[in-house]
Structures are given as C-alpha cells and as structure tokens.
Amino acid sequence: MNQLTEQSINCPYCGETIDVLIDSADLEQHYIEDCQVCCKPINFLLSENAQGELAVNVYSDDEVF
C-alpha cells in the first residue's frame, strides 16, 4: 500500500515554500513536478536518510544531481 505524505519544499527557482504530496513508494526515484507558484519544473529525488526517514531533495533544471 502506498503512503502519501505532505512535505514542504522550497522551489529552487522562486524560493517559495510549497506543499507537495510525496509517495513513499517512489523511493530512489526521480520525477518532475511544476512549481505551484512560478510553474517551472522542479526535479525531485527521493531517498532514505541514515535514520530510515524519507528525504526529499529538489533541484532546478540547471543543477546536477
């Protein structure tokens, strides 16, 4: 069963804090979602930190991840 969690992230383009729904089943996956404020494409990379918690990293198109 997939579990959705709400996370607050900062857009790498406009800097606004936005709330996004993250699916824990997407662990170690890369996907793109548009910013709700400036509409630019945010690259998401989901991973698990050392404590076993979901870590959400976001990048702009010109950043290497």
Protein backbone atom coordinates (compact mmCIF):
# COMPACT_ATOMS: atom_id res chain seq x y z
CA MET A 1 0.00 0.00 0.00
CA ASN A 2 1.34 3.43 -0.96
CA GLN A 3 1.53 6.09 1.67
CA LEU A 4 1.28 9.75 0.72
CA THR A 5 2.96 12.29 2.96
CA GLU A 6 2.76 16.04 2.72
CA GLN A 7 6.15 17.76 2.62
CA SER A 8 7.06 21.43 2.46
CA ILE A 9 9.83 22.24 0.00
CA ASN A 10 11.40 25.45 -1.27
CA CYS A 11 11.22 25.98 -5.01
CA PRO A 12 14.79 26.13 -6.41
CA TYR A 13 13.67 28.86 -8.82
CA CYS A 14 11.45 31.33 -6.95
CA GLY A 15 12.28 30.28 -3.38
CA GLU A 16 8.63 29.99 -2.33
CA THR A 17 7.71 27.30 0.17
CA ILE A 18 5.13 24.94 -1.33
CA ASP A 19 3.45 21.81 0.00
CA VAL A 20 3.68 18.69 -2.15
CA LEU A 21 2.40 15.14 -1.73
CA ILE A 22 5.17 12.56 -1.71
CA ASP A 23 4.54 8.86 -2.34
CA SER A 24 6.91 6.75 -0.23
CA ALA A 25 6.74 4.08 -2.95
CA ASP A 26 8.76 6.47 -5.16
CA LEU A 27 11.89 5.94 -3.02
CA GLU A 28 15.09 6.25 -5.10
CA GLN A 29 13.01 7.63 -7.97
CA HIS A 30 13.46 10.85 -9.92
CA TYR A 31 10.46 12.78 -11.18
CA ILE A 32 9.48 16.30 -12.21
CA GLU A 33 6.62 18.39 -10.86
CA ASP A 34 5.87 22.03 -11.72
CA CYS A 35 6.09 24.69 -9.01
CA GLN A 36 2.62 25.80 -7.92
CA VAL A 37 3.82 29.44 -7.81
CA CYS A 38 6.18 30.06 -10.76
CA CYS A 39 5.26 26.96 -12.86
CA LYS A 40 8.89 26.00 -13.53
CA PRO A 41 9.80 22.27 -13.50
CA ILE A 42 11.25 21.07 -10.18
CA ASN A 43 13.31 17.87 -10.22
CA PHE A 44 12.55 15.66 -7.22
CA LEU A 45 14.83 12.91 -5.94
CA LEU A 46 13.52 10.79 -3.05
CA SER A 47 15.86 8.80 -0.83
CA GLU A 48 16.11 7.39 2.65
CA ASN A 49 18.41 9.03 5.21
CA ALA A 50 20.57 7.20 7.78
CA GLN A 51 17.66 7.15 10.25
CA GLY A 52 15.39 5.42 7.73
CA GLU A 53 13.32 8.56 7.12
CA LEU A 54 12.21 9.80 3.72
CA ALA A 55 14.45 12.58 2.39
CA VAL A 56 13.17 14.86 -0.38
CA ASN A 57 15.75 16.72 -2.48
CA VAL A 58 14.73 19.26 -5.12
CA TYR A 59 16.79 20.70 -7.96
CA SER A 60 16.37 23.14 -10.83
CA ASP A 61 16.99 22.02 -14.41
CA ASP A 62 20.48 23.55 -14.43
CA GLU A 63 21.65 21.77 -11.26
CA VAL A 64 23.42 18.41 -11.43
CA PHE A 65 22.10 15.72 -9.08
